[in-house]
Amino acid sequence: MQAFKGVDYMEFDALLSEEELMVRRMVRRFVDEQVKPVIEDHHRRGEFPRELISTMGDLELLGPNLAGYGLPGMSNVVYGLIMQELERGDSAVRSFASVQGSLVMYPIHAFGSEEQKKQWLPPLGRGEKVGCYGLTEPDFGSNPGGMTTRARRDGDRFVLNGAKMWITNGTQAEVAVVFAKLDGEVNGFLVEKGTPGFQAEKIQGKFSLRASDTASLYLDECAVPLANRLPGARGLKTALMCLNQARYGIAWGAIGAAMECYHTALEYARERIQFNDRPIAGHQLVQEKLVWMITEITKAQFMTLHAGRLKDDDRLKFYHVSLLKRNNVDMALQCARLARDILGAAGIVDDHPVIRHMLNLESVRTYEGTHDIHTLIVGEQITGWPAYGA
């Protein structure tokens, strides 16, 4: 099977700058040389490839679109291309970088004190420290405003009680950005690993995102200093702003997964001989599947690039991101399913990456806003009627 050379049916690359192409080449090489050779084994064992973290830091893949504090301040298009290539390797690798940059570094960068920024952003950007983001609760996923985690002030500290679930990077994180209600208002807090009353437990039995570190967080009379509250993170809107950053990266990442599935299916179809010494690539039904895949990938590429340009101009709205995340992840999942069908029995074993991507995308479709919730976000924007409880 030929090495991956990209998926570009309508001269998409002609719209990218030399810097954007250069960074994508660098990350593509990293994925091909360091991620893909190890990811199947980590997927089988259900463990995150922690050996990749320092290299990701060295390559400036963690928080690349943030500036200052030793961070590169790249464009949002470059950030998207990075996420695309990482997810071409595996959703777990993109999830690690996405959480680290968009859900940990971003809230510290946007809402933290100067002391918090200086303490945490440089080591998080270098991959020397790992962070996680605690918003989702066992009983409140799509409705984060219903959270039951509480914080109260007790002298020179805040005391937190509650639980968070489905937390990426949870067991390996040195710091958690935790949202809790303080006097009825959502606030953000930094909870460091080893704080008494704070515990992270790995979630077992996953069939999806197996190479990702997914945990439950428990806070039982967990006391943190007053200085650990993020001063600007007040109100649920600030937590959702963080999610919007991550969802944008997911929209790019899904294209990478779709590309890998399409490339695998196309190469397999060219090599697989069936009926009269003819490759199955010459069969009408196989071609129909491949054409659907390349069409939808191409549409997603141009739409998402335009969104990146809007984001760099500070014109991208949250409902635009919902449209992207909803479309691209669903598209990628359908590509994975079609690729698995083209591969036949070979599609269910990890000799090929398709089944792993298909399983991962089942989670990506529902995390950071389910497909249906993003449908309702767009629906409200175009009709003016919220339908979340209808």
Protein backbone atom coordinates (compact mmCIF):
# COMPACT_ATOMS: atom_id res chain seq x y z
CA MET A 1 0.00 0.00 0.00
CA GLN A 2 1.38 3.39 -0.99
CA ALA A 3 2.36 5.94 1.65
CA PHE A 4 -0.13 8.68 2.42
CA LYS A 5 0.43 11.71 0.18
CA GLY A 6 -2.64 13.71 1.06
CA VAL A 7 -6.16 13.98 -0.25
CA ASP A 8 -6.60 16.95 -2.58
CA TYR A 9 -9.17 16.55 -5.37
CA MET A 10 -9.76 20.25 -6.18
CA GLU A 11 -6.39 21.96 -5.56
CA PHE A 12 -7.15 22.67 -1.93
CA ASP A 13 -3.44 23.06 -1.20
CA ALA A 14 -3.28 26.04 -3.56
CA LEU A 15 -5.22 28.01 -0.93
CA LEU A 16 -2.66 27.36 1.79
CA SER A 17 0.33 29.55 2.58
CA GLU A 18 3.86 28.21 2.59
CA GLU A 19 3.88 28.33 6.40
CA GLU A 20 0.67 26.33 6.55
CA LEU A 21 2.03 23.74 4.12
CA MET A 22 5.34 23.54 5.98
CA VAL A 23 3.72 22.90 9.37
CA ARG A 24 1.38 20.32 7.87
CA ARG A 25 4.33 18.49 6.29
CA MET A 26 6.11 18.47 9.64
CA VAL A 27 3.13 17.08 11.53
CA ARG A 28 2.35 14.59 8.76
CA ARG A 29 5.90 13.27 9.05
CA PHE A 30 5.58 13.04 12.83
CA VAL A 31 2.35 11.07 12.51
CA ASP A 32 3.75 8.70 9.87
CA GLU A 33 7.05 8.10 11.64
CA GLN A 34 6.12 8.19 15.33
CA VAL A 35 2.36 7.85 15.83
CA LYS A 36 1.25 5.23 13.34
CA PRO A 37 3.99 2.68 14.18
CA VAL A 38 2.89 2.53 17.84
CA ILE A 39 -0.79 3.42 17.94
CA GLU A 40 -2.26 -0.02 17.24
CA ASP A 41 -0.37 -1.52 20.17
CA HIS A 42 -1.51 1.26 22.49
CA HIS A 43 -5.07 0.87 21.22
CA ARG A 44 -4.95 -2.83 22.00
CA ARG A 45 -3.59 -2.21 25.49
CA GLY A 46 -5.91 0.69 26.19
CA GLU A 47 -3.06 3.07 27.03
CA PHE A 48 -2.11 6.52 25.80
CA PRO A 49 1.31 6.74 24.08
CA ARG A 50 2.87 9.06 26.65
CA GLU A 51 6.23 8.81 24.92
CA LEU A 52 4.85 11.15 22.24
CA ILE A 53 4.12 14.05 24.60
CA SER A 54 7.60 15.54 24.79
CA THR A 55 7.97 15.45 21.01
CA MET A 56 4.60 17.12 20.60
CA GLY A 57 5.87 19.85 22.91
CA ASP A 58 9.13 20.18 21.00
CA LEU A 59 7.19 20.53 17.73
CA GLU A 60 4.95 23.22 19.29
CA LEU A 61 1.76 21.22 18.76
CA LEU A 62 0.32 22.07 22.19
CA GLY A 63 -1.54 25.38 22.26
CA PRO A 64 0.03 26.48 18.96
CA ASN A 65 -2.56 29.21 18.31
CA LEU A 66 -1.90 30.91 21.66
CA ALA A 67 0.66 33.70 21.94
CA GLY A 68 2.99 34.85 24.69
CA TYR A 69 4.52 32.86 27.58
CA GLY A 70 6.78 30.99 25.17
CA LEU A 71 3.89 29.93 22.91
CA PRO A 72 4.19 30.24 19.11
CA GLY A 73 1.03 32.22 18.33
CA MET A 74 0.34 30.46 15.03
CA SER A 75 -2.83 31.05 13.03
CA ASN A 76 -6.03 29.13 13.64
CA VAL A 77 -5.72 27.58 10.18
CA VAL A 78 -2.30 26.18 11.12
CA TYR A 79 -3.81 24.90 14.37
CA GLY A 80 -6.57 23.19 12.40
CA LEU A 81 -4.13 21.52 10.03
CA ILE A 82 -2.19 20.24 13.05
CA MET A 83 -5.37 18.73 14.49
CA GLN A 84 -6.19 17.20 11.10
CA GLU A 85 -2.88 15.38 10.87
CA LEU A 86 -2.91 14.24 14.50
CA GLU A 87 -6.35 12.68 14.11
CA ARG A 88 -5.23 11.01 10.92
CA GLY A 89 -3.00 9.11 13.30
CA ASP A 90 -5.63 8.57 15.98
CA SER A 91 -8.45 10.48 17.67
CA ALA A 92 -6.77 9.87 21.03
CA VAL A 93 -3.64 11.77 19.96
CA ARG A 94 -5.67 14.68 18.62
CA SER A 95 -7.83 14.60 21.77
CA PHE A 96 -4.75 14.88 23.96
CA ALA A 97 -3.49 17.93 22.07
CA SER A 98 -6.98 19.42 21.80
CA VAL A 99 -7.65 19.15 25.54
CA GLN A 100 -4.18 20.38 26.44
CA GLY A 101 -4.36 23.41 24.17
CA SER A 102 -8.03 24.35 23.93
CA LEU A 103 -9.46 23.20 27.24
CA VAL A 104 -6.57 23.72 29.66
CA MET A 105 -4.16 26.26 28.20
CA TYR A 106 -6.88 28.39 26.59
CA PRO A 107 -8.89 29.01 29.79
CA ILE A 108 -5.70 29.79 31.71
CA HIS A 109 -4.61 32.10 28.88
CA ALA A 110 -8.04 33.77 28.55
CA PHE A 111 -9.30 33.80 32.13
CA GLY A 112 -6.29 33.22 34.38
CA SER A 113 -4.27 35.61 36.49
CA GLU A 114 -0.82 36.68 35.37
CA GLU A 115 0.69 34.40 38.02
CA GLN A 116 -1.35 31.42 36.77
CA LYS A 117 -0.29 32.09 33.20
CA LYS A 118 3.39 32.28 34.07
CA GLN A 119 3.21 29.16 36.23
CA TRP A 120 1.31 26.86 33.90
CA LEU A 121 1.42 27.95 30.26
CA PRO A 122 5.13 27.42 29.52
CA PRO A 123 5.36 23.85 30.94
CA LEU A 124 1.99 22.88 29.43
CA GLY A 125 3.14 24.15 26.04
CA ARG A 126 6.39 22.20 26.27
CA GLY A 127 4.58 19.02 27.29
CA GLU A 128 6.36 18.97 30.64
CA LYS A 129 3.00 19.19 32.39
CA VAL A 130 -0.34 17.69 31.37
CA GLY A 131 -3.77 19.14 32.06
CA CYS A 132 -7.40 18.03 31.92
CA TYR A 133 -10.76 19.80 31.79
CA GLY A 134 -13.55 19.00 34.23
CA LEU A 135 -16.99 20.14 33.10
CA THR A 136 -19.07 17.06 32.21
CA GLU A 137 -20.72 15.26 35.13
CA PRO A 138 -22.21 11.77 35.43
CA ASP A 139 -25.75 13.18 35.20
CA PHE A 140 -25.09 16.37 33.23
CA GLY A 141 -23.45 16.12 29.83
CA SER A 142 -25.48 18.03 27.25
CA ASN A 143 -26.86 20.28 30.00
CA PRO A 144 -23.73 21.55 31.78
CA GLY A 145 -25.71 24.30 33.45
CA GLY A 146 -27.29 21.64 35.66
CA MET A 147 -23.95 20.75 37.26
CA THR A 148 -24.04 19.71 40.89
CA THR A 149 -20.34 20.24 41.68
CA ARG A 150 -20.15 22.99 44.28
CA ALA A 151 -17.49 25.28 45.69
CA ARG A 152 -17.63 27.28 48.89
CA ARG A 153 -15.23 29.74 50.39
CA ASP A 154 -13.69 28.68 53.69
CA GLY A 155 -11.27 31.32 54.94
CA ASP A 156 -8.24 31.47 52.65
CA ARG A 157 -9.34 28.59 50.46
CA PHE A 158 -12.15 27.23 48.30
CA VAL A 159 -13.57 23.79 49.08
CA LEU A 160 -14.92 21.73 46.16
CA ASN A 161 -17.30 18.78 46.22
CA GLY A 162 -18.62 16.82 43.25
CA ALA A 163 -17.69 14.50 40.40
CA LYS A 164 -16.74 14.85 36.75
CA MET A 165 -16.87 12.11 34.11
CA TRP A 166 -15.40 11.28 30.68
CA ILE A 167 -12.36 13.43 31.36
CA THR A 168 -9.60 13.14 28.74
CA ASN A 169 -6.05 13.13 30.20
CA GLY A 170 -7.63 12.64 33.62
CA THR A 171 -5.23 10.21 35.30
CA GLN A 172 -2.02 11.70 33.88
CA ALA A 173 -2.88 15.37 34.44
CA GLU A 174 -0.86 17.46 36.88
CA VAL A 175 -3.60 20.11 36.87
CA ALA A 176 -7.34 20.03 36.25
CA VAL A 177 -9.45 22.98 35.14
CA VAL A 178 -12.61 22.25 37.13
CA PHE A 179 -15.88 24.13 36.87
CA ALA A 180 -18.11 24.34 39.93
CA LYS A 181 -20.91 26.57 41.17
CA LEU A 182 -19.84 29.14 43.74
CA ASP A 183 -22.81 30.96 45.29
CA GLY A 184 -24.91 29.78 42.35
CA GLU A 185 -22.50 31.02 39.65
CA VAL A 186 -20.26 28.76 37.56
CA ASN A 187 -16.57 29.43 38.32
CA GLY A 188 -13.35 27.85 37.12
CA PHE A 189 -10.69 26.48 39.47
CA LEU A 190 -7.24 24.95 39.08
CA VAL A 191 -6.97 21.71 41.04
CA GLU A 192 -3.51 20.20 41.21
CA LYS A 193 -2.75 16.51 41.30
CA GLY A 194 -2.11 15.30 44.83
CA THR A 195 -4.48 17.80 46.44
CA PRO A 196 -6.20 16.04 49.38
CA GLY A 197 -9.74 15.09 48.46
CA PHE A 198 -9.00 14.99 44.71
CA GLN A 199 -8.92 11.64 42.93
CA ALA A 200 -8.85 10.50 39.29
CA GLU A 201 -9.89 6.97 38.28
CA LYS A 202 -9.42 5.45 34.83
CA ILE A 203 -12.64 4.45 33.05
CA GLN A 204 -12.40 0.80 32.04
CA GLY A 205 -14.13 -1.22 29.33
CA LYS A 206 -14.00 1.29 26.47
CA PHE A 207 -14.38 0.01 22.92
CA SER A 208 -13.76 3.51 21.55
CA LEU A 209 -10.85 5.92 22.08
CA ARG A 210 -8.99 3.08 23.70
CA ALA A 211 -5.65 4.83 23.36
CA SER A 212 -7.00 7.86 25.20
CA ASP A 213 -6.64 8.42 28.95
CA THR A 214 -10.28 8.79 30.01
CA ALA A 215 -11.12 9.19 33.70
CA SER A 216 -13.64 10.14 36.33
CA LEU A 217 -12.68 12.91 38.74
CA TYR A 218 -13.87 12.98 42.36
CA LEU A 219 -13.71 16.00 44.66
CA ASP A 220 -14.47 15.33 48.31
CA GLU A 221 -13.88 18.37 50.52
CA CYS A 222 -11.07 19.24 48.13
CA ALA A 223 -9.50 22.50 49.30
CA VAL A 224 -7.55 24.76 46.94
CA PRO A 225 -5.99 28.19 47.64
CA LEU A 226 -7.93 31.32 46.75
CA ALA A 227 -5.27 31.99 44.12
CA ASN A 228 -6.37 28.85 42.26
CA ARG A 229 -9.65 30.34 41.10
CA LEU A 230 -9.49 31.54 37.48
CA PRO A 231 -10.49 35.19 38.02
CA GLY A 232 -12.05 35.65 34.58
CA ALA A 233 -13.89 32.30 34.45
CA ARG A 234 -17.26 33.37 35.79
CA GLY A 235 -20.49 32.16 34.29
CA LEU A 236 -21.28 29.11 32.18
CA LYS A 237 -20.46 31.11 29.07
CA THR A 238 -16.75 30.96 29.86
CA ALA A 239 -16.82 27.15 30.05
CA LEU A 240 -18.66 27.01 26.73
CA MET A 241 -16.12 29.37 25.16
CA CYS A 242 -13.45 26.77 25.96
CA LEU A 243 -15.54 24.04 24.35
CA ASN A 244 -15.95 26.16 21.25
CA GLN A 245 -12.17 26.27 20.84
CA ALA A 246 -11.97 22.50 21.10
CA ARG A 247 -14.92 21.87 18.77
CA TYR A 248 -13.20 23.91 16.08
CA GLY A 249 -10.17 21.62 16.33
CA ILE A 250 -12.41 18.54 16.24
CA ALA A 251 -13.92 19.73 12.96
CA TRP A 252 -10.45 19.73 11.40
CA GLY A 253 -9.44 16.49 13.09
CA ALA A 254 -12.40 14.59 11.69
CA ILE A 255 -11.22 15.39 8.17
CA GLY A 256 -7.92 13.71 9.00
CA ALA A 257 -9.65 10.52 10.12
CA ALA A 258 -11.78 10.56 6.97
CA MET A 259 -8.68 11.05 4.81
CA GLU A 260 -6.96 8.05 6.37
CA CYS A 261 -10.00 5.85 5.86
CA TYR A 262 -10.45 6.99 2.25
CA HIS A 263 -6.76 6.49 1.44
CA THR A 264 -6.79 3.00 2.97
CA ALA A 265 -9.95 1.98 1.12
CA LEU A 266 -8.73 3.36 -2.21
CA GLU A 267 -5.37 1.61 -2.02
CA TYR A 268 -6.99 -1.64 -0.90
CA ALA A 269 -9.52 -1.47 -3.72
CA ARG A 270 -6.75 -1.02 -6.28
CA GLU A 271 -4.88 -4.08 -4.98
CA ARG A 272 -7.72 -6.46 -4.12
CA ILE A 273 -8.42 -8.77 -7.10
CA GLN A 274 -11.90 -10.28 -7.34
CA PHE A 275 -13.93 -11.67 -10.27
CA ASN A 276 -12.13 -12.14 -13.59
CA ASP A 277 -8.73 -10.91 -12.35
CA ARG A 278 -10.11 -7.41 -11.90
CA PRO A 279 -9.40 -5.15 -8.92
CA ILE A 280 -12.50 -4.24 -6.97
CA ALA A 281 -11.67 -0.58 -7.70
CA GLY A 282 -13.14 -1.30 -11.14
CA HIS A 283 -16.51 -2.31 -9.71
CA GLN A 284 -19.36 0.18 -9.89
CA LEU A 285 -20.54 -0.14 -6.29
CA VAL A 286 -17.03 0.28 -4.91
CA GLN A 287 -16.50 3.36 -7.05
CA GLU A 288 -19.78 4.83 -5.79
CA LYS A 289 -18.54 4.52 -2.20
CA LEU A 290 -15.17 6.06 -3.00
CA VAL A 291 -16.76 8.92 -4.92
CA TRP A 292 -19.07 9.71 -2.01
CA MET A 293 -16.07 9.79 0.32
CA ILE A 294 -13.91 12.08 -1.81
CA THR A 295 -16.86 14.39 -2.46
CA GLU A 296 -17.70 14.83 1.21
CA ILE A 297 -14.04 15.19 2.26
CA THR A 298 -13.55 17.89 -0.38
CA LYS A 299 -16.65 19.80 0.73
CA ALA A 300 -15.51 19.63 4.35
CA GLN A 301 -12.01 20.82 3.46
CA PHE A 302 -13.16 24.03 1.82
CA MET A 303 -15.84 24.81 4.39
CA THR A 304 -13.46 24.27 7.28
CA LEU A 305 -10.65 26.29 5.74
CA HIS A 306 -13.06 29.19 5.28
CA ALA A 307 -14.06 28.84 8.92
CA GLY A 308 -10.39 29.01 9.90
CA ARG A 309 -9.95 32.23 7.95
CA LEU A 310 -13.05 33.63 9.68
CA LYS A 311 -11.64 32.61 13.04
CA ASP A 312 -8.35 34.34 12.32
CA ASP A 313 -10.41 37.48 11.54
CA ASP A 314 -12.40 37.00 14.78
CA ARG A 315 -15.61 36.49 12.77
CA LEU A 316 -16.32 32.81 13.45
CA LYS A 317 -19.47 32.34 15.56
CA PHE A 318 -20.24 29.46 17.89
CA TYR A 319 -23.07 28.26 15.65
CA HIS A 320 -20.64 28.13 12.71
CA VAL A 321 -18.49 25.79 14.79
CA SER A 322 -21.53 23.65 15.59
CA LEU A 323 -22.26 23.33 11.87
CA LEU A 324 -18.67 22.29 11.23
CA LYS A 325 -18.43 19.79 14.06
CA ARG A 326 -21.80 18.25 13.22
CA ASN A 327 -21.08 17.90 9.51
CA ASN A 328 -17.45 16.85 9.57
CA VAL A 329 -17.65 14.21 12.28
CA ASP A 330 -20.75 12.64 10.75
CA MET A 331 -19.02 12.70 7.36
CA ALA A 332 -15.90 11.06 8.78
CA LEU A 333 -17.90 8.34 10.51
CA GLN A 334 -19.72 7.54 7.27
CA CYS A 335 -16.36 7.43 5.45
CA ALA A 336 -15.06 4.98 8.04
CA ARG A 337 -18.11 2.76 7.65
CA LEU A 338 -17.86 2.79 3.86
CA ALA A 339 -14.14 2.05 4.03
CA ARG A 340 -14.79 -0.87 6.35
CA ASP A 341 -17.34 -2.18 3.89
CA ILE A 342 -14.86 -1.94 0.99
CA LEU A 343 -12.23 -3.81 2.99
CA GLY A 344 -14.68 -6.59 3.82
CA ALA A 345 -13.38 -8.95 6.51
CA ALA A 346 -10.03 -7.15 6.43
CA GLY A 347 -11.85 -4.08 7.69
CA ILE A 348 -12.49 -5.50 11.16
CA VAL A 349 -8.87 -6.22 12.11
CA ASP A 350 -6.25 -3.70 13.10
CA ASP A 351 -3.93 -4.63 10.26
CA HIS A 352 -5.69 -1.61 8.80
CA PRO A 353 -6.63 1.59 10.69
CA VAL A 354 -10.24 1.73 9.52
CA ILE A 355 -12.00 -0.13 12.33
CA ARG A 356 -10.04 1.86 14.93
CA HIS A 357 -11.08 5.15 13.34
CA MET A 358 -14.66 3.95 13.06
CA LEU A 359 -14.80 3.05 16.75
CA ASN A 360 -13.13 6.32 17.76
CA LEU A 361 -15.48 8.44 15.67
CA GLU A 362 -18.48 6.95 17.45
CA SER A 363 -17.23 8.82 20.52
CA VAL A 364 -16.17 11.95 18.66
CA ARG A 365 -19.71 12.19 17.28
CA THR A 366 -21.13 12.55 20.79
CA TYR A 367 -18.44 14.28 22.84
CA GLU A 368 -18.00 18.03 23.15
CA GLY A 369 -21.61 18.43 22.10
CA THR A 370 -23.53 15.53 20.62
CA HIS A 371 -24.57 15.49 16.97
CA ASP A 372 -28.15 16.24 18.04
CA ILE A 373 -27.20 19.12 20.33
CA HIS A 374 -25.24 20.78 17.54
CA THR A 375 -28.27 20.28 15.31
CA LEU A 376 -30.34 22.21 17.83
CA ILE A 377 -27.74 24.97 18.14
CA VAL A 378 -27.86 25.55 14.39
CA GLY A 379 -31.63 25.10 14.40
CA GLU A 380 -32.09 27.81 16.99
CA GLN A 381 -29.83 30.18 15.10
CA ILE A 382 -31.69 29.83 11.79
CA THR A 383 -35.25 29.79 13.21
CA GLY A 384 -34.94 31.88 16.36
CA TRP A 385 -36.59 29.12 18.40
CA PRO A 386 -34.67 27.12 21.04
CA ALA A 387 -35.84 23.49 21.00
CA TYR A 388 -33.57 21.88 23.60
CA GLY A 389 -36.39 20.94 25.94
CA ALA A 390 -39.11 20.48 23.33
